[in-house]
Amino acid sequence: MTTPLLCTGLIGVTLLGACVTTEMPPDFSLRDSAGVRIAENRRPVSLILSLAEEPEFDIGPREDGPEFISLISAVRLADGRIAAVGWAMTEMHLFDAEGHWLRTVGRRGSGPGEFEALGSLFRGPADTLVLGDGSLLVSTALPEPGAGDEHTLRDRLTLFRVSSDGAEWDSLVSFPGAPLLRHPDNPLWNWGSLLFAPAPSTDQEGNLIAMTLGDRFEIVLRDPAGSVTRIVRRADVSRAISSTEYDAALAAWSESPSAERSERLRAAMRRTRPYRIRPAISRVRLTTDGGLWVEHGDPRLGEPVRASLFDGEGRWVGDVTLPEGARVHQVDSDGVLLSVRDDEGFHHLRFHRFVETD
């Protein structure tokens, strides 16, 4: 895109012919670098998106089906059916495309068709609940000596591709985890991540692995062998965190029934070097059609959580604002499968369609 001519001779200064033309970078560019496609974005190039206010369905506590009292892991299959489990529960529930309960699979136990506890579901080819090439993506975290100080420690995260029988483990990539607050009573324990520290996020869909360190708006995509195939970037204006905002977030983080414990937590966090810039990315997810869903924004700063949607070429399509407290499970071409927790502690599973707005 070309800006208007900038003329200097009209104000009494002649500069080699008086007028120059300034070229602005395009809103989207795609280039190759050593076999890696790099997508650069300045602004959304097409649609303005939102989620429909009313969900297609609301799977919550009711008489004719299961209820979820813990965090949900769920997938939406190609025909619209929903498979869902609750963390640490022992049954998988299947619903039709309208959210009606169909049947329950599994029960507590250690025999065939029984589970001690369930965790995450994954959607693979032909709606099987495995990863894209039949292998699993496993993340491990081990303390990294020398990466912290007397107040902080840090893990090193490693992604492995593991065969379905567990016989082969291939190390794909290793990277530092978020800095952690060291526990004052046991230096090998931690009290959680430092406030506003950027944290890595990974996801896998089909034959793609997406990863970001969260400190800048950059997502690296890898193939199942760990080789980088694409890098997607978006222009991001850093937002400074004021002292008032930091103190409010610190008070909420350290809230405890014990006033002594609360003050101890706050004192320990203050001894670290505080992060004063909001992380660029909080979570990355691959969409089922090969695009990217990148969440950012922080409710602790009075901001809504938003997601930038990118197509399969890495082109920034637009931003979507999420319902308050929403936890996204899957992003399809027509909408988003998410869950929210109600005031009574039950988790609801919902599907909201994308809507184009003016």
Protein backbone atom coordinates (compact mmCIF):
# COMPACT_ATOMS: atom_id res chain seq x y z
CA MET A 1 0.00 0.00 0.00
CA THR A 2 1.35 3.46 -0.93
CA THR A 3 0.80 6.55 1.17
CA PRO A 4 0.09 10.01 -0.34
CA LEU A 5 3.08 12.01 -1.55
CA LEU A 6 5.00 13.90 1.12
CA CYS A 7 5.92 17.34 -0.39
CA THR A 8 8.60 19.40 1.31
CA GLY A 9 9.10 22.18 -1.27
CA LEU A 10 5.75 23.75 -0.32
CA ILE A 11 7.09 24.75 3.07
CA GLY A 12 10.28 26.37 1.78
CA VAL A 13 12.59 23.34 1.91
CA THR A 14 13.57 21.69 -1.36
CA LEU A 15 14.74 18.08 -1.08
CA LEU A 16 15.90 16.62 -4.42
CA GLY A 17 12.78 17.48 -6.36
CA ALA A 18 10.53 18.40 -3.43
CA CYS A 19 8.35 15.24 -3.28
CA VAL A 20 9.11 11.68 -2.15
CA THR A 21 6.97 8.57 -2.01
CA THR A 22 6.87 6.46 1.13
CA GLU A 23 6.06 2.77 0.83
CA MET A 24 4.19 1.20 3.74
CA PRO A 25 4.53 -2.53 4.42
CA PRO A 26 1.52 -4.63 3.38
CA ASP A 27 -1.03 -5.80 5.92
CA PHE A 28 -0.02 -9.39 5.12
CA SER A 29 3.12 -10.83 3.59
CA LEU A 30 4.30 -14.39 3.02
CA ARG A 31 7.92 -15.28 2.28
CA ASP A 32 10.19 -18.31 2.37
CA SER A 33 13.38 -18.50 4.39
CA ALA A 34 15.47 -21.67 4.17
CA GLY A 35 12.38 -23.75 3.46
CA VAL A 36 10.30 -22.15 6.24
CA ARG A 37 7.24 -20.06 5.32
CA ILE A 38 7.06 -16.85 7.36
CA ALA A 39 3.71 -15.04 7.58
CA GLU A 40 3.79 -11.41 8.79
CA ASN A 41 0.57 -9.59 9.74
CA ARG A 42 -0.06 -5.94 10.56
CA ARG A 43 -3.87 -5.87 10.54
CA PRO A 44 -6.73 -8.29 9.88
CA VAL A 45 -7.21 -8.59 6.13
CA SER A 46 -10.80 -9.78 5.80
CA LEU A 47 -13.62 -10.52 8.20
CA ILE A 48 -14.71 -8.95 11.47
CA LEU A 49 -15.86 -11.87 13.59
CA SER A 50 -17.88 -12.51 16.71
CA LEU A 51 -19.48 -15.49 18.39
CA ALA A 52 -23.24 -15.92 18.36
CA GLU A 53 -24.63 -14.70 21.68
CA GLU A 54 -26.81 -17.80 22.09
CA PRO A 55 -25.07 -21.21 21.91
CA GLU A 56 -26.34 -24.02 19.69
CA PHE A 57 -26.67 -26.10 22.84
CA ASP A 58 -25.89 -25.97 26.56
CA ILE A 59 -24.88 -29.30 28.09
CA GLY A 60 -25.24 -28.78 31.82
CA PRO A 61 -26.73 -30.49 34.87
CA ARG A 62 -30.13 -32.04 34.11
CA GLU A 63 -32.19 -35.13 34.84
CA ASP A 64 -31.74 -36.94 31.51
CA GLY A 65 -27.95 -36.90 31.32
CA PRO A 66 -24.60 -36.56 33.08
CA GLU A 67 -23.33 -33.55 34.95
CA PHE A 68 -19.76 -32.27 35.11
CA ILE A 69 -18.38 -31.18 38.46
CA SER A 70 -14.76 -30.93 37.29
CA LEU A 71 -12.98 -29.40 34.30
CA ILE A 72 -14.15 -30.82 30.97
CA SER A 73 -12.12 -32.23 28.09
CA ALA A 74 -14.23 -32.49 24.94
CA VAL A 75 -14.04 -32.94 21.17
CA ARG A 76 -16.55 -32.26 18.39
CA LEU A 77 -16.60 -35.01 15.77
CA ALA A 78 -17.06 -34.49 12.01
CA ASP A 79 -20.80 -35.23 12.15
CA GLY A 80 -21.35 -32.75 14.99
CA ARG A 81 -21.50 -35.27 17.83
CA ILE A 82 -19.70 -34.37 21.05
CA ALA A 83 -17.51 -36.64 23.18
CA ALA A 84 -16.69 -35.34 26.67
CA VAL A 85 -15.07 -36.43 29.92
CA GLY A 86 -14.64 -34.71 33.26
CA TRP A 87 -11.14 -34.57 34.72
CA ALA A 88 -10.53 -37.44 37.18
CA MET A 89 -13.95 -38.96 36.32
CA THR A 90 -14.24 -42.50 34.96
CA GLU A 91 -16.83 -42.24 32.18
CA MET A 92 -16.90 -40.77 28.68
CA HIS A 93 -20.19 -39.27 27.52
CA LEU A 94 -21.41 -38.96 23.93
CA PHE A 95 -23.95 -36.33 22.79
CA ASP A 96 -25.60 -35.70 19.43
CA ALA A 97 -25.12 -32.50 17.38
CA GLU A 98 -27.96 -30.78 19.29
CA GLY A 99 -26.44 -31.59 22.67
CA HIS A 100 -28.74 -34.47 23.60
CA TRP A 101 -27.13 -37.22 25.65
CA LEU A 102 -26.75 -40.47 23.65
CA ARG A 103 -24.81 -42.87 25.85
CA THR A 104 -22.03 -43.30 28.39
CA VAL A 105 -18.89 -45.37 27.86
CA GLY A 106 -16.78 -46.82 30.66
CA ARG A 107 -16.99 -47.10 34.43
CA ARG A 108 -14.69 -47.13 37.45
CA GLY A 109 -12.27 -50.03 37.60
CA SER A 110 -9.14 -51.53 36.08
CA GLY A 111 -10.65 -54.08 33.71
CA PRO A 112 -11.66 -53.85 30.02
CA GLY A 113 -13.75 -50.74 29.38
CA GLU A 114 -13.00 -49.43 32.88
CA PHE A 115 -10.93 -46.43 33.96
CA GLU A 116 -9.16 -45.41 37.15
CA ALA A 117 -9.40 -41.76 36.04
CA LEU A 118 -9.73 -39.90 32.74
CA GLY A 119 -7.92 -36.78 31.59
CA SER A 120 -7.83 -35.40 28.04
CA LEU A 121 -9.55 -36.48 24.83
CA PHE A 122 -7.86 -35.99 21.44
CA ARG A 123 -9.48 -36.03 18.02
CA GLY A 124 -7.58 -37.81 15.25
CA PRO A 125 -8.27 -39.05 11.72
CA ALA A 126 -11.71 -40.63 11.12
CA ASP A 127 -12.84 -39.30 14.52
CA THR A 128 -10.62 -41.63 16.50
CA LEU A 129 -9.50 -40.26 19.84
CA VAL A 130 -5.76 -40.31 19.04
CA LEU A 131 -3.37 -37.79 17.55
CA GLY A 132 -2.84 -37.21 13.86
CA ASP A 133 -0.34 -39.89 12.90
CA GLY A 134 -1.30 -42.39 15.60
CA SER A 135 1.40 -41.16 17.98
CA LEU A 136 1.04 -39.05 21.10
CA LEU A 137 2.54 -35.64 21.83
CA VAL A 138 3.94 -35.75 25.37
CA SER A 139 5.34 -32.81 27.30
CA THR A 140 7.76 -33.31 30.18
CA ALA A 141 9.03 -30.75 32.68
CA LEU A 142 12.29 -31.14 34.59
CA PRO A 143 14.06 -28.60 36.82
CA GLU A 144 16.78 -26.73 34.96
CA PRO A 145 19.76 -26.16 37.28
CA GLY A 146 21.07 -22.62 37.22
CA ALA A 147 18.01 -21.18 35.44
CA GLY A 148 16.64 -19.43 38.53
CA ASP A 149 17.92 -17.65 41.62
CA GLU A 150 17.24 -17.72 45.35
CA HIS A 151 13.63 -16.65 44.78
CA THR A 152 12.76 -18.34 41.48
CA LEU A 153 13.29 -21.60 39.63
CA ARG A 154 12.55 -22.75 36.14
CA ASP A 155 11.74 -26.01 34.41
CA ARG A 156 12.88 -27.09 30.96
CA LEU A 157 10.03 -28.43 28.88
CA THR A 158 10.58 -31.08 26.23
CA LEU A 159 8.12 -32.30 23.63
CA PHE A 160 8.29 -35.98 22.71
CA ARG A 161 6.52 -37.91 19.98
CA VAL A 162 5.61 -41.25 21.51
CA SER A 163 4.44 -44.29 19.54
CA SER A 164 1.04 -45.66 20.48
CA ASP A 165 2.62 -48.67 22.21
CA GLY A 166 5.05 -46.46 24.15
CA ALA A 167 8.09 -48.26 22.74
CA GLU A 168 9.62 -45.26 20.90
CA TRP A 169 10.21 -41.78 22.29
CA ASP A 170 11.51 -39.11 19.89
CA SER A 171 12.61 -35.79 21.37
CA LEU A 172 11.28 -32.99 19.12
CA VAL A 173 12.11 -29.69 20.81
CA SER A 174 13.17 -28.37 24.21
CA PHE A 175 12.47 -24.90 25.62
CA PRO A 176 12.33 -23.05 28.97
CA GLY A 177 9.11 -23.06 30.95
CA ALA A 178 7.58 -20.10 32.76
CA PRO A 179 9.61 -18.80 35.73
CA LEU A 180 8.26 -20.14 39.03
CA LEU A 181 8.16 -18.68 42.53
CA ARG A 182 10.39 -20.78 44.78
CA HIS A 183 8.72 -22.05 47.98
CA PRO A 184 10.45 -20.48 51.00
CA ASP A 185 10.24 -23.68 53.09
CA ASN A 186 11.38 -26.12 50.44
CA PRO A 187 13.56 -24.76 47.64
CA LEU A 188 12.61 -27.69 45.38
CA TRP A 189 8.91 -26.78 45.47
CA ASN A 190 7.19 -23.83 43.85
CA TRP A 191 4.20 -21.60 44.53
CA GLY A 192 3.25 -21.17 40.88
CA SER A 193 4.28 -18.94 37.97
CA LEU A 194 5.39 -15.37 38.50
CA LEU A 195 2.60 -12.88 37.92
CA PHE A 196 2.31 -11.86 34.24
CA ALA A 197 5.33 -13.95 33.24
CA PRO A 198 5.05 -15.21 29.64
CA ALA A 199 4.37 -18.95 29.50
CA PRO A 200 4.86 -21.41 26.63
CA SER A 201 1.83 -23.03 24.99
CA THR A 202 1.64 -25.98 22.57
CA ASP A 203 -1.04 -27.81 20.60
CA GLN A 204 -1.28 -30.56 17.99
CA GLU A 205 -3.86 -31.15 15.28
CA GLY A 206 -3.36 -33.72 12.52
CA ASN A 207 0.25 -33.48 11.37
CA LEU A 208 0.93 -30.02 12.78
CA ILE A 209 2.40 -28.98 16.12
CA ALA A 210 2.03 -25.31 17.16
CA MET A 211 4.20 -23.70 19.82
CA THR A 212 4.69 -20.23 21.28
CA LEU A 213 6.78 -18.94 24.16
CA GLY A 214 4.18 -16.23 24.80
CA ASP A 215 6.61 -13.34 25.12
CA ARG A 216 5.89 -11.99 21.63
CA PHE A 217 3.19 -12.57 19.04
CA GLU A 218 4.94 -15.39 17.22
CA ILE A 219 3.79 -18.97 16.65
CA VAL A 220 6.10 -21.68 15.32
CA LEU A 221 4.58 -24.65 13.49
CA ARG A 222 6.39 -27.97 13.25
CA ASP A 223 5.78 -31.29 11.54
CA PRO A 224 5.62 -34.59 13.51
CA ALA A 225 9.40 -34.96 13.15
CA GLY A 226 9.91 -31.60 14.90
CA SER A 227 11.10 -29.63 11.85
CA VAL A 228 9.92 -26.02 11.58
CA THR A 229 7.59 -25.56 8.59
CA ARG A 230 6.00 -22.17 9.23
CA ILE A 231 6.25 -19.11 11.46
CA VAL A 232 3.24 -16.83 11.96
CA ARG A 233 3.65 -13.34 13.40
CA ARG A 234 1.25 -10.54 14.20
CA ALA A 235 2.02 -6.92 15.04
CA ASP A 236 1.42 -6.39 18.75
CA VAL A 237 1.41 -3.21 20.79
CA SER A 238 2.88 -4.01 24.20
CA ARG A 239 0.78 -2.97 27.14
CA ALA A 240 2.51 -1.86 30.30
CA ILE A 241 1.08 -3.01 33.63
CA SER A 242 0.68 -0.19 36.14
CA SER A 243 1.64 -0.53 39.80
CA THR A 244 -2.03 -0.33 40.77
CA GLU A 245 -2.96 -3.15 38.39
CA TYR A 246 -0.05 -5.28 39.58
CA ASP A 247 -0.94 -4.78 43.25
CA ALA A 248 -4.58 -5.69 42.60
CA ALA A 249 -3.57 -8.87 40.76
CA LEU A 250 -1.10 -9.72 43.54
CA ALA A 251 -3.81 -9.33 46.19
CA ALA A 252 -6.17 -11.62 44.26
CA TRP A 253 -3.42 -14.20 43.65
CA SER A 254 -2.41 -14.34 47.31
CA GLU A 255 -5.93 -14.39 48.77
CA SER A 256 -6.14 -16.97 51.56
CA PRO A 257 -8.29 -17.62 54.66
CA SER A 258 -5.13 -17.00 56.64
CA ALA A 259 -4.03 -13.36 56.70
CA GLU A 260 -0.54 -14.49 57.69
CA ARG A 261 -0.28 -16.82 54.70
CA SER A 262 -1.58 -14.11 52.33
CA GLU A 263 1.05 -11.66 53.46
CA ARG A 264 3.73 -14.33 53.22
CA LEU A 265 2.74 -15.08 49.62
CA ARG A 266 2.72 -11.39 48.68
CA ALA A 267 6.13 -10.83 50.28
CA ALA A 268 7.62 -13.79 48.43
CA MET A 269 6.27 -12.58 45.07
CA ARG A 270 7.47 -9.00 45.67
CA ARG A 271 11.02 -10.25 46.20
CA THR A 272 11.12 -11.41 42.58
CA ARG A 273 11.72 -9.13 39.65
CA PRO A 274 8.12 -8.29 38.69
CA TYR A 275 6.95 -8.48 35.09
CA ARG A 276 5.52 -5.13 34.00
CA ILE A 277 4.55 -5.96 30.40
CA ARG A 278 1.50 -8.09 29.61
CA PRO A 279 2.42 -11.34 27.82
CA ALA A 280 1.62 -11.19 24.11
CA ILE A 281 -0.05 -14.63 24.00
CA SER A 282 -1.72 -16.70 26.69
CA ARG A 283 -2.60 -19.80 24.65
CA VAL A 284 -2.31 -21.16 21.11
CA ARG A 285 -4.56 -23.75 19.51
CA LEU A 286 -4.69 -25.31 16.04
CA THR A 287 -8.09 -25.22 14.35
CA THR A 288 -9.46 -28.37 12.74
CA ASP A 289 -9.02 -26.88 9.24
CA GLY A 290 -5.31 -26.04 9.67
CA GLY A 291 -5.56 -22.48 10.97
CA LEU A 292 -4.55 -20.94 14.28
CA TRP A 293 -6.54 -19.69 17.27
CA VAL A 294 -4.36 -17.46 19.49
CA GLU A 295 -5.72 -16.17 22.81
CA HIS A 296 -4.55 -12.96 24.48
CA GLY A 297 -5.81 -10.36 26.95
CA ASP A 298 -5.93 -10.66 30.73
CA PRO A 299 -9.06 -10.40 32.95
CA ARG A 300 -6.81 -9.43 35.86
CA LEU A 301 -6.16 -6.16 34.00
CA GLY A 302 -9.83 -5.57 33.28
CA GLU A 303 -9.42 -6.86 29.73
CA PRO A 304 -11.65 -9.40 27.97
CA VAL A 305 -9.98 -12.52 26.65
CA ARG A 306 -9.76 -12.31 22.86
CA ALA A 307 -8.57 -14.69 20.19
CA SER A 308 -6.90 -13.84 16.89
CA LEU A 309 -7.94 -16.25 14.13
CA PHE A 310 -5.47 -17.11 11.33
CA ASP A 311 -6.18 -19.16 8.22
CA GLY A 312 -4.04 -22.02 6.89
CA GLU A 313 -1.65 -19.58 5.16
CA GLY A 314 -1.04 -17.67 8.38
CA ARG A 315 -3.25 -14.75 7.31
CA TRP A 316 -4.84 -12.84 10.23
CA VAL A 317 -8.58 -13.10 9.59
CA GLY A 318 -9.93 -11.23 12.62
CA ASP A 319 -10.39 -11.18 16.40
CA VAL A 320 -13.11 -12.77 18.52
CA THR A 321 -14.08 -11.86 22.10
CA LEU A 322 -14.73 -14.88 24.33
CA PRO A 323 -17.51 -15.20 26.90
CA GLU A 324 -16.34 -14.46 30.42
CA GLY A 325 -14.66 -17.45 32.01
CA ALA A 326 -14.77 -19.53 28.80
CA ARG A 327 -12.36 -22.44 28.29
CA VAL A 328 -11.98 -23.34 24.61
CA HIS A 329 -11.80 -27.04 23.64
CA GLN A 330 -11.97 -27.01 19.83
CA VAL A 331 -12.17 -24.47 16.99
CA ASP A 332 -13.92 -25.58 13.79
CA SER A 333 -14.57 -23.65 10.59
CA ASP A 334 -18.12 -22.85 11.76
CA GLY A 335 -17.67 -22.18 15.45
CA VAL A 336 -16.09 -22.88 18.83
CA LEU A 337 -16.67 -25.64 21.40
CA LEU A 338 -16.12 -24.22 24.88
CA SER A 339 -17.08 -24.70 28.52
CA VAL A 340 -17.96 -22.32 31.35
CA ARG A 341 -18.50 -22.82 35.08
CA ASP A 342 -21.73 -21.62 36.68
CA ASP A 343 -22.20 -20.09 40.15
CA GLU A 344 -23.02 -23.49 41.65
CA GLY A 345 -19.76 -25.04 40.44
CA PHE A 346 -21.14 -27.08 37.52
CA HIS A 347 -19.38 -26.98 34.14
CA HIS A 348 -21.45 -26.36 30.99
CA LEU A 349 -20.38 -27.44 27.51
CA ARG A 350 -21.49 -25.11 24.69
CA PHE A 351 -21.00 -24.57 20.97
CA HIS A 352 -21.09 -20.98 19.62
CA ARG A 353 -21.14 -20.33 15.87
CA PHE A 354 -19.04 -17.66 14.17
CA VAL A 355 -20.97 -14.59 13.05
CA GLU A 356 -19.74 -11.94 10.61
CA THR A 357 -20.32 -8.36 11.80
CA ASP A 358 -20.08 -4.97 10.14
